[in-house]
């Protein structure tokens, strides 16, 4: 015996939505019934093809970026930390705003022609950075935090980034390789 008469139309409507969703998923090249919560319920039955096209476009762009991006790069950086920075020296009490202002001043000096290695000694709060000239060596994208890698991997050799904020503070990155 089926559902009570009052529920029959609701069940039928739900079935139409599921069949429509399955048809949209199949026609759009998905090849399988889309069962994620955002698809089930029919709200996306009419916008599904657009959403799939946007997702495919994003995936295509990501594949293109990865295929043209080097596997690893070399970089140096200046790290300006603040009182909320992860792994900050215990004695550091600079506010976030003060750290940002300091990073901006450093960037201005870099843009004015100052030597990166000199500014590392003057501005970087990273322990050991002065001795290394801020050199991070050669690294793969996955080794660094996302914001840092995203900025570093788009730079050309010799180019300096804008200010990049991570959980560690504010970075100025110079690609070396």
N, C-alpha and C. Protein backbone atom coordinates (compact mmCIF):
# COMPACT_ATOMS: atom_id res chain seq x y z
N UNK A 1 0.84 -1.18 0.00
CA UNK A 1 0.00 0.00 0.00
C UNK A 1 0.88 1.23 0.00
N UNK A 2 0.56 2.25 -0.77
CA UNK A 2 1.35 3.46 -0.93
C UNK A 2 1.13 4.44 0.19
N UNK A 3 1.68 5.63 0.06
CA UNK A 3 1.51 6.66 1.08
C UNK A 3 0.08 7.15 1.12
N UNK A 4 -0.33 7.74 2.25
CA UNK A 4 -1.68 8.30 2.34
C UNK A 4 -1.90 9.30 1.20
N UNK A 5 -3.15 9.46 0.81
CA UNK A 5 -3.51 10.27 -0.34
C UNK A 5 -2.93 11.69 -0.29
N UNK A 6 -2.88 12.33 0.88
CA UNK A 6 -2.35 13.69 1.02
C UNK A 6 -0.85 13.76 0.74
N UNK A 7 -0.16 12.66 0.99
CA UNK A 7 1.28 12.65 0.79
C UNK A 7 1.66 12.20 -0.62
N UNK A 8 0.72 11.64 -1.34
CA UNK A 8 1.01 11.11 -2.68
C UNK A 8 1.53 12.20 -3.61
N UNK A 9 0.92 13.38 -3.59
CA UNK A 9 1.37 14.45 -4.49
C UNK A 9 2.76 14.93 -4.08
N UNK A 10 3.06 14.96 -2.80
CA UNK A 10 4.39 15.37 -2.35
C UNK A 10 5.44 14.36 -2.79
N UNK A 11 5.12 13.09 -2.69
CA UNK A 11 6.05 12.04 -3.13
C UNK A 11 6.26 12.14 -4.63
N UNK A 12 5.19 12.35 -5.38
CA UNK A 12 5.29 12.47 -6.84
C UNK A 12 6.15 13.68 -7.21
N UNK A 13 5.96 14.82 -6.54
CA UNK A 13 6.75 16.02 -6.82
C UNK A 13 8.23 15.77 -6.52
N UNK A 14 8.48 15.07 -5.44
CA UNK A 14 9.87 14.76 -5.06
C UNK A 14 10.51 13.85 -6.10
N UNK A 15 9.77 12.90 -6.59
CA UNK A 15 10.26 11.97 -7.61
C UNK A 15 10.58 12.72 -8.90
N UNK A 16 9.73 13.67 -9.29
CA UNK A 16 9.99 14.47 -10.49
C UNK A 16 11.28 15.26 -10.32
N UNK A 17 11.49 15.83 -9.13
CA UNK A 17 12.70 16.59 -8.86
C UNK A 17 13.92 15.69 -8.96
N UNK A 18 13.87 14.49 -8.39
CA UNK A 18 15.00 13.58 -8.43
C UNK A 18 15.30 13.13 -9.86
N UNK A 19 14.28 12.84 -10.63
CA UNK A 19 14.49 12.43 -12.02
C UNK A 19 15.08 13.59 -12.82
N UNK A 20 14.58 14.81 -12.59
CA UNK A 20 15.11 15.98 -13.28
C UNK A 20 16.57 16.20 -12.91
N UNK A 21 16.89 16.06 -11.62
CA UNK A 21 18.26 16.23 -11.16
C UNK A 21 19.17 15.19 -11.81
N UNK A 22 18.70 13.96 -11.89
CA UNK A 22 19.49 12.90 -12.52
C UNK A 22 19.71 13.20 -13.99
N UNK A 23 18.68 13.69 -14.66
CA UNK A 23 18.81 14.03 -16.08
C UNK A 23 19.79 15.17 -16.28
N UNK A 24 19.72 16.19 -15.43
CA UNK A 24 20.63 17.33 -15.53
C UNK A 24 22.06 16.85 -15.30
N UNK A 25 22.28 16.02 -14.31
CA UNK A 25 23.62 15.53 -14.01
C UNK A 25 24.17 14.71 -15.18
N UNK A 26 23.34 13.87 -15.77
CA UNK A 26 23.78 13.02 -16.87
C UNK A 26 24.04 13.85 -18.12
N UNK A 27 23.14 14.74 -18.47
CA UNK A 27 23.29 15.58 -19.66
C UNK A 27 24.50 16.49 -19.52
N UNK A 28 24.77 16.94 -18.31
CA UNK A 28 25.88 17.86 -18.08
C UNK A 28 27.23 17.17 -18.07
N UNK A 29 27.25 15.88 -18.27
CA UNK A 29 28.51 15.16 -18.35
C UNK A 29 28.97 14.59 -17.04
N UNK A 30 28.18 14.71 -16.01
CA UNK A 30 28.56 14.18 -14.72
C UNK A 30 28.58 12.66 -14.77
N UNK A 31 27.60 12.07 -15.48
CA UNK A 31 27.58 10.63 -15.65
C UNK A 31 27.05 9.86 -14.47
N UNK A 32 26.71 10.53 -13.40
CA UNK A 32 26.20 9.83 -12.23
C UNK A 32 25.16 10.70 -11.56
N UNK A 33 24.34 10.06 -10.77
CA UNK A 33 23.31 10.80 -10.04
C UNK A 33 23.99 11.68 -8.99
N UNK A 34 23.69 12.95 -9.04
CA UNK A 34 24.26 13.89 -8.07
C UNK A 34 23.47 13.77 -6.78
N UNK A 35 24.16 13.42 -5.69
CA UNK A 35 23.45 13.19 -4.44
C UNK A 35 23.90 14.10 -3.31
N UNK A 36 24.73 15.08 -3.60
CA UNK A 36 25.16 15.97 -2.53
C UNK A 36 23.97 16.81 -2.07
N UNK A 37 23.99 17.27 -0.81
CA UNK A 37 22.86 18.04 -0.29
C UNK A 37 22.50 19.27 -1.13
N UNK A 38 23.47 19.89 -1.77
CA UNK A 38 23.15 21.08 -2.55
C UNK A 38 22.36 20.73 -3.81
N UNK A 39 22.47 19.50 -4.26
CA UNK A 39 21.74 19.10 -5.48
C UNK A 39 20.40 18.49 -5.13
N UNK A 40 20.34 17.66 -4.12
CA UNK A 40 19.10 16.99 -3.76
C UNK A 40 18.12 18.04 -3.24
N UNK A 41 16.91 17.97 -3.68
CA UNK A 41 15.89 18.92 -3.27
C UNK A 41 15.38 19.72 -4.44
N UNK A 42 16.06 19.66 -5.55
CA UNK A 42 15.56 20.27 -6.76
C UNK A 42 15.82 21.73 -6.91
N UNK A 43 16.33 22.39 -5.89
CA UNK A 43 16.56 23.82 -5.99
C UNK A 43 17.55 24.18 -7.08
N UNK A 44 18.43 23.25 -7.39
CA UNK A 44 19.44 23.53 -8.39
C UNK A 44 19.17 22.83 -9.72
N UNK A 45 17.99 22.26 -9.87
CA UNK A 45 17.69 21.54 -11.10
C UNK A 45 17.79 22.45 -12.32
N UNK A 46 17.39 23.70 -12.17
CA UNK A 46 17.45 24.61 -13.32
C UNK A 46 18.78 25.34 -13.40
N UNK A 47 19.50 25.49 -12.28
CA UNK A 47 20.79 26.17 -12.30
C UNK A 47 21.94 25.19 -12.36
N UNK A 48 21.66 23.91 -12.32
CA UNK A 48 22.69 22.88 -12.33
C UNK A 48 23.68 22.99 -13.47
N UNK A 49 23.21 23.10 -14.71
CA UNK A 49 24.18 23.19 -15.82
C UNK A 49 25.12 24.39 -15.68
N UNK A 50 24.61 25.53 -15.22
CA UNK A 50 25.46 26.69 -15.03
C UNK A 50 26.49 26.42 -13.95
N UNK A 51 26.06 25.82 -12.87
CA UNK A 51 26.97 25.51 -11.76
C UNK A 51 28.05 24.54 -12.21
N UNK A 52 27.65 23.52 -12.95
CA UNK A 52 28.64 22.56 -13.44
C UNK A 52 29.63 23.23 -14.38
N UNK A 53 29.15 24.11 -15.23
CA UNK A 53 30.04 24.82 -16.15
C UNK A 53 31.04 25.68 -15.38
N UNK A 54 30.57 26.33 -14.31
CA UNK A 54 31.47 27.16 -13.50
C UNK A 54 32.51 26.29 -12.80
N UNK A 55 32.08 25.14 -12.28
CA UNK A 55 33.02 24.24 -11.62
C UNK A 55 34.04 23.71 -12.61
N UNK A 56 33.59 23.34 -13.81
CA UNK A 56 34.51 22.86 -14.83
C UNK A 56 35.50 23.94 -15.22
N UNK A 57 35.04 25.18 -15.33
CA UNK A 57 35.91 26.30 -15.67
C UNK A 57 36.97 26.49 -14.59
N UNK A 58 36.57 26.43 -13.34
CA UNK A 58 37.50 26.57 -12.22
C UNK A 58 38.52 25.44 -12.25
N UNK A 59 38.06 24.21 -12.49
CA UNK A 59 38.97 23.08 -12.55
C UNK A 59 39.94 23.22 -13.72
N UNK A 60 39.46 23.70 -14.85
CA UNK A 60 40.32 23.90 -16.02
C UNK A 60 41.38 24.94 -15.72
N UNK A 61 40.98 26.03 -15.09
CA UNK A 61 41.94 27.09 -14.74
C UNK A 61 42.98 26.56 -13.77
N UNK A 62 42.56 25.76 -12.80
CA UNK A 62 43.49 25.20 -11.82
C UNK A 62 44.47 24.25 -12.50
N UNK A 63 43.98 23.40 -13.41
CA UNK A 63 44.87 22.48 -14.14
C UNK A 63 45.88 23.27 -14.97
N UNK A 64 45.44 24.35 -15.61
CA UNK A 64 46.32 25.17 -16.43
C UNK A 64 47.38 25.83 -15.55
N UNK A 65 46.97 26.34 -14.38
CA UNK A 65 47.91 26.98 -13.47
C UNK A 65 48.95 25.96 -13.01
N UNK A 66 48.51 24.78 -12.62
CA UNK A 66 49.41 23.76 -12.13
C UNK A 66 50.35 23.29 -13.23
N UNK A 67 49.87 23.18 -14.47
CA UNK A 67 50.72 22.68 -15.55
C UNK A 67 51.77 23.69 -15.96
N UNK A 68 51.53 24.98 -15.78
CA UNK A 68 52.51 25.99 -16.16
C UNK A 68 53.37 26.44 -14.98
N UNK A 69 52.99 26.07 -13.80
CA UNK A 69 53.69 26.49 -12.60
C UNK A 69 54.87 25.55 -12.35
N UNK A 70 56.01 26.09 -11.93
CA UNK A 70 57.14 25.22 -11.62
C UNK A 70 56.82 24.33 -10.42
N UNK A 71 57.47 23.19 -10.37
CA UNK A 71 57.23 22.27 -9.27
C UNK A 71 57.76 22.82 -7.95
N UNK A 72 58.89 23.55 -8.04
CA UNK A 72 59.47 24.16 -6.85
C UNK A 72 60.14 25.48 -7.24
N UNK A 73 60.24 26.35 -6.25
CA UNK A 73 60.86 27.66 -6.47
C UNK A 73 61.81 27.97 -5.32
N UNK A 74 62.60 29.00 -5.49
CA UNK A 74 63.43 29.50 -4.41
C UNK A 74 62.93 30.89 -4.04
N UNK A 75 63.03 31.23 -2.77
CA UNK A 75 62.57 32.55 -2.33
C UNK A 75 63.26 32.96 -1.04
N UNK A 76 63.23 34.26 -0.82
CA UNK A 76 63.65 34.86 0.45
C UNK A 76 62.46 35.65 0.95
N UNK A 77 62.42 35.90 2.24
CA UNK A 77 61.31 36.72 2.75
C UNK A 77 61.72 37.53 3.96
N UNK A 78 60.90 38.54 4.19
CA UNK A 78 60.99 39.35 5.40
C UNK A 78 59.68 39.11 6.13
N UNK A 79 59.76 38.71 7.37
CA UNK A 79 58.57 38.41 8.17
C UNK A 79 58.45 39.43 9.29
N UNK A 80 57.36 40.18 9.27
CA UNK A 80 57.07 41.15 10.33
C UNK A 80 55.95 40.56 11.17
N UNK A 81 56.28 40.22 12.41
CA UNK A 81 55.32 39.56 13.29
C UNK A 81 54.60 40.56 14.19
N UNK A 82 53.52 40.09 14.80
CA UNK A 82 52.78 40.91 15.77
C UNK A 82 52.38 40.03 16.94
N UNK A 83 51.72 40.64 17.92
CA UNK A 83 51.39 39.91 19.15
C UNK A 83 50.44 38.74 18.94
N UNK A 84 49.77 38.65 17.81
CA UNK A 84 48.89 37.52 17.52
C UNK A 84 49.50 36.51 16.57
N UNK A 85 50.74 36.70 16.19
CA UNK A 85 51.40 35.81 15.23
C UNK A 85 51.70 34.44 15.84
N UNK A 86 51.54 33.43 15.03
CA UNK A 86 51.91 32.08 15.42
C UNK A 86 53.43 32.02 15.52
N UNK A 87 53.95 31.35 16.52
CA UNK A 87 55.39 31.14 16.73
C UNK A 87 56.18 32.44 16.92
N UNK A 88 55.55 33.46 17.44
CA UNK A 88 56.25 34.73 17.67
C UNK A 88 57.18 34.60 18.87
N UNK A 89 58.25 35.38 18.85
CA UNK A 89 59.11 35.42 20.05
C UNK A 89 58.29 35.93 21.24
N UNK A 90 58.53 35.38 22.38
CA UNK A 90 57.75 35.71 23.58
C UNK A 90 57.76 37.20 23.91
N UNK A 91 58.88 37.85 23.68
CA UNK A 91 59.01 39.26 24.04
C UNK A 91 58.35 40.22 23.04
N UNK A 92 57.94 39.71 21.89
CA UNK A 92 57.35 40.58 20.87
C UNK A 92 55.95 41.04 21.29
N UNK A 93 55.73 42.36 21.31
CA UNK A 93 54.43 42.88 21.76
C UNK A 93 53.81 43.85 20.75
N UNK A 94 54.32 43.89 19.53
CA UNK A 94 53.82 44.78 18.50
C UNK A 94 52.38 44.40 18.13
N UNK A 95 51.52 45.40 17.97
CA UNK A 95 50.14 45.13 17.56
C UNK A 95 50.11 44.76 16.07
N UNK A 96 49.00 44.22 15.64
CA UNK A 96 48.84 43.86 14.23
C UNK A 96 48.95 45.12 13.36
N UNK A 97 48.29 46.19 13.78
CA UNK A 97 48.34 47.44 13.01
C UNK A 97 49.76 47.98 12.91
N UNK A 98 50.50 47.92 14.02
CA UNK A 98 51.88 48.39 14.01
C UNK A 98 52.75 47.50 13.10
N UNK A 99 52.48 46.21 13.11
CA UNK A 99 53.23 45.29 12.25
C UNK A 99 52.94 45.57 10.77
N UNK A 100 51.68 45.82 10.46
CA UNK A 100 51.32 46.14 9.08
C UNK A 100 51.99 47.44 8.63
N UNK A 101 51.99 48.43 9.49
CA UNK A 101 52.65 49.71 9.17
C UNK A 101 54.15 49.49 8.95
N UNK A 102 54.74 48.64 9.76
CA UNK A 102 56.17 48.33 9.62
C UNK A 102 56.43 47.61 8.29
N UNK A 103 55.58 46.67 7.93
CA UNK A 103 55.72 45.95 6.66
C UNK A 103 55.56 46.91 5.48
N UNK A 104 54.62 47.84 5.59
CA UNK A 104 54.43 48.84 4.52
C UNK A 104 55.67 49.72 4.35
N UNK A 105 56.26 50.11 5.47
CA UNK A 105 57.46 50.94 5.42
C UNK A 105 58.60 50.16 4.76
N UNK A 106 58.71 48.90 5.10
CA UNK A 106 59.74 48.04 4.50
C UNK A 106 59.51 47.90 2.99
N UNK A 107 58.28 47.67 2.59
CA UNK A 107 57.95 47.54 1.17
C UNK A 107 58.29 48.82 0.43
N UNK A 108 58.00 49.94 1.04
CA UNK A 108 58.31 51.24 0.43
C UNK A 108 59.82 51.37 0.20
N UNK A 109 60.62 50.95 1.17
CA UNK A 109 62.07 50.99 1.02
C UNK A 109 62.54 50.04 -0.09
N UNK A 110 61.91 48.86 -0.16
CA UNK A 110 62.26 47.92 -1.23
C UNK A 110 61.96 48.52 -2.59
N UNK A 111 60.80 49.11 -2.73
CA UNK A 111 60.40 49.74 -3.99
C UNK A 111 61.31 50.92 -4.33
N UNK A 112 61.91 51.51 -3.30
CA UNK A 112 62.82 52.63 -3.50
C UNK A 112 64.24 52.20 -3.84
N UNK A 113 64.48 50.89 -3.88
CA UNK A 113 65.79 50.40 -4.29
C UNK A 113 66.68 49.85 -3.18
N UNK A 114 66.20 49.80 -1.95
CA UNK A 114 67.01 49.26 -0.86
C UNK A 114 67.28 47.77 -1.10
N UNK A 115 68.41 47.30 -0.56
CA UNK A 115 68.79 45.90 -0.73
C UNK A 115 67.96 45.01 0.19
N UNK A 116 67.46 43.93 -0.39
CA UNK A 116 66.60 43.00 0.35
C UNK A 116 67.32 42.49 1.60
N UNK A 117 68.57 42.06 1.44
CA UNK A 117 69.30 41.48 2.57
C UNK A 117 69.48 42.47 3.72
N UNK A 118 69.65 43.75 3.40
CA UNK A 118 69.77 44.77 4.44
C UNK A 118 68.44 44.96 5.17
N UNK A 119 67.36 44.93 4.42
CA UNK A 119 66.04 45.10 5.04
C UNK A 119 65.64 43.88 5.87
N UNK A 120 66.14 42.71 5.51
CA UNK A 120 65.90 41.52 6.33
C UNK A 120 66.47 41.76 7.72
N UNK A 121 67.69 42.25 7.77
CA UNK A 121 68.34 42.51 9.07
C UNK A 121 67.59 43.57 9.87
N UNK A 122 67.07 44.57 9.17
CA UNK A 122 66.39 45.67 9.86
C UNK A 122 64.95 45.35 10.27
N UNK A 123 64.23 44.58 9.44
CA UNK A 123 62.79 44.43 9.66
C UNK A 123 62.30 43.03 10.04
N UNK A 124 63.02 41.99 9.66
CA UNK A 124 62.47 40.64 9.86
C UNK A 124 62.54 40.20 11.31
N UNK A 125 61.44 39.61 11.78
CA UNK A 125 61.35 39.10 13.14
C UNK A 125 61.59 37.60 13.21
N UNK A 126 61.82 36.99 12.06
CA UNK A 126 62.03 35.55 12.04
C UNK A 126 63.40 35.22 12.64
N UNK A 127 63.43 34.34 13.63
CA UNK A 127 64.72 33.95 14.21
C UNK A 127 65.65 33.35 13.13
N UNK A 128 66.88 33.82 13.08
CA UNK A 128 67.86 33.30 12.13
C UNK A 128 67.78 33.91 10.74
N UNK A 129 66.79 34.73 10.47
CA UNK A 129 66.62 35.31 9.13
C UNK A 129 67.78 36.22 8.76
N UNK A 130 68.30 36.97 9.70
CA UNK A 130 69.40 37.90 9.41
C UNK A 130 70.61 37.16 8.88
N UNK A 131 70.94 36.05 9.50
CA UNK A 131 72.11 35.26 9.09
C UNK A 131 71.91 34.65 7.70
N UNK A 132 70.70 34.31 7.36
CA UNK A 132 70.39 33.67 6.08
C UNK A 132 69.98 34.68 5.01
N UNK A 133 69.84 35.93 5.37
CA UNK A 133 69.36 36.93 4.42
C UNK A 133 67.91 36.69 4.04
N UNK A 134 67.19 36.01 4.93
CA UNK A 134 65.78 35.69 4.68
C UNK A 134 65.59 34.52 3.73
N UNK A 135 66.68 33.84 3.37
CA UNK A 135 66.62 32.75 2.39
C UNK A 135 65.83 31.56 2.94
N UNK A 136 64.87 31.12 2.15
CA UNK A 136 64.05 29.96 2.51
C UNK A 136 64.48 28.72 1.74
N UNK A 137 65.46 28.89 0.86
CA UNK A 137 65.89 27.77 0.03
C UNK A 137 64.89 27.50 -1.07
N UNK A 138 64.90 26.27 -1.54
CA UNK A 138 64.00 25.83 -2.60
C UNK A 138 62.90 25.00 -1.95
N UNK A 139 61.66 25.22 -2.35
CA UNK A 139 60.54 24.51 -1.72
C UNK A 139 59.42 24.27 -2.73
N UNK A 140 58.59 23.30 -2.40
CA UNK A 140 57.40 22.99 -3.19
C UNK A 140 56.23 23.78 -2.63
N UNK A 141 55.22 23.97 -3.45
CA UNK A 141 54.04 24.74 -3.07
C UNK A 141 53.43 24.25 -1.75
N UNK A 142 53.32 22.95 -1.59
CA UNK A 142 52.63 22.38 -0.43
C UNK A 142 53.38 22.56 0.89
N UNK A 143 54.65 22.93 0.82
CA UNK A 143 55.45 23.08 2.03
C UNK A 143 55.07 24.32 2.82
N UNK A 144 54.71 25.38 2.12
CA UNK A 144 54.38 26.65 2.78
C UNK A 144 52.87 26.77 2.97
N UNK A 145 52.47 27.69 3.85
CA UNK A 145 51.04 27.93 4.03
C UNK A 145 50.47 28.51 2.74
N UNK A 146 49.18 28.31 2.53
CA UNK A 146 48.54 28.62 1.26
C UNK A 146 48.75 30.07 0.79
N UNK A 147 48.47 31.04 1.64
CA UNK A 147 48.61 32.44 1.23
C UNK A 147 50.04 32.73 0.76
N UNK A 148 51.00 32.20 1.47
CA UNK A 148 52.40 32.41 1.13
C UNK A 148 52.71 31.77 -0.23
N UNK A 149 52.35 30.51 -0.39
CA UNK A 149 52.61 29.80 -1.65
C UNK A 149 51.90 30.46 -2.82
N UNK A 150 50.64 30.84 -2.61
CA UNK A 150 49.89 31.48 -3.69
C UNK A 150 50.62 32.73 -4.20
N UNK A 151 51.16 33.52 -3.28
CA UNK A 151 51.87 34.74 -3.67
C UNK A 151 53.24 34.42 -4.27
N UNK A 152 53.97 33.51 -3.66
CA UNK A 152 55.34 33.22 -4.09
C UNK A 152 55.38 32.57 -5.47
N UNK A 153 54.46 31.67 -5.75
CA UNK A 153 54.52 30.91 -6.99
C UNK A 153 54.09 31.71 -8.22
N UNK A 154 53.48 32.86 -8.05
CA UNK A 154 53.13 33.68 -9.22
C UNK A 154 54.18 34.74 -9.53
N UNK A 155 55.12 34.93 -8.61
CA UNK A 155 56.18 35.92 -8.83
C UNK A 155 57.14 35.45 -9.91
N UNK A 156 57.72 36.40 -10.60
CA UNK A 156 58.81 36.12 -11.53
C UNK A 156 60.11 36.16 -10.72
N UNK A 157 61.15 35.51 -11.21
CA UNK A 157 62.44 35.53 -10.52
C UNK A 157 62.89 36.99 -10.39
N UNK A 158 63.26 37.37 -9.16
CA UNK A 158 63.71 38.73 -8.88
C UNK A 158 62.59 39.66 -8.43
N UNK A 159 61.36 39.26 -8.63
CA UNK A 159 60.21 40.10 -8.28
C UNK A 159 59.90 39.98 -6.79
N UNK A 160 59.40 41.08 -6.21
CA UNK A 160 59.01 41.13 -4.80
C UNK A 160 57.49 41.24 -4.72
N UNK A 161 56.92 40.50 -3.82
CA UNK A 161 55.45 40.48 -3.65
C UNK A 161 54.96 41.74 -2.96
N UNK A 162 53.66 41.89 -3.01
CA UNK A 162 53.00 42.85 -2.12
C UNK A 162 53.04 42.22 -0.73
N UNK A 163 52.49 42.88 0.25
CA UNK A 163 52.45 42.33 1.61
C UNK A 163 51.49 41.14 1.63
N UNK A 164 51.96 40.03 2.19
CA UNK A 164 51.17 38.80 2.28
C UNK A 164 50.97 38.47 3.76
N UNK A 165 49.71 38.34 4.15
CA UNK A 165 49.44 38.01 5.55
C UNK A 165 49.19 36.52 5.72
N UNK A 166 49.84 35.94 6.71
CA UNK A 166 49.60 34.55 7.10
C UNK A 166 49.44 34.53 8.62
N UNK A 167 49.26 33.36 9.17
CA UNK A 167 49.15 33.22 10.62
C UNK A 167 50.44 33.63 11.33
N UNK A 168 51.54 33.68 10.58
CA UNK A 168 52.84 34.02 11.16
C UNK A 168 53.11 35.53 11.17
N UNK A 169 52.34 36.28 10.42
CA UNK A 169 52.53 37.73 10.35
C UNK A 169 52.47 38.22 8.91
N UNK A 170 53.21 39.27 8.63
CA UNK A 170 53.22 39.88 7.30
C UNK A 170 54.54 39.58 6.60
N UNK A 171 54.44 39.07 5.38
CA UNK A 171 55.62 38.67 4.62
C UNK A 171 55.80 39.58 3.41
N UNK A 172 57.05 39.80 3.08
CA UNK A 172 57.45 40.36 1.79
C UNK A 172 58.33 39.27 1.18
N UNK A 173 57.94 38.80 0.03
CA UNK A 173 58.59 37.63 -0.57
C UNK A 173 59.33 38.05 -1.83
N UNK A 174 60.55 37.59 -1.97
CA UNK A 174 61.31 37.82 -3.19
C UNK A 174 61.66 36.46 -3.77
N UNK A 175 61.21 36.24 -5.00
CA UNK A 175 61.50 34.97 -5.65
C UNK A 175 62.93 35.00 -6.18
N UNK A 176 63.67 33.94 -5.89
CA UNK A 176 65.08 33.87 -6.29
C UNK A 176 65.34 32.81 -7.35
N UNK A 177 64.43 31.90 -7.51
CA UNK A 177 64.63 30.81 -8.48
C UNK A 177 63.30 30.25 -8.93
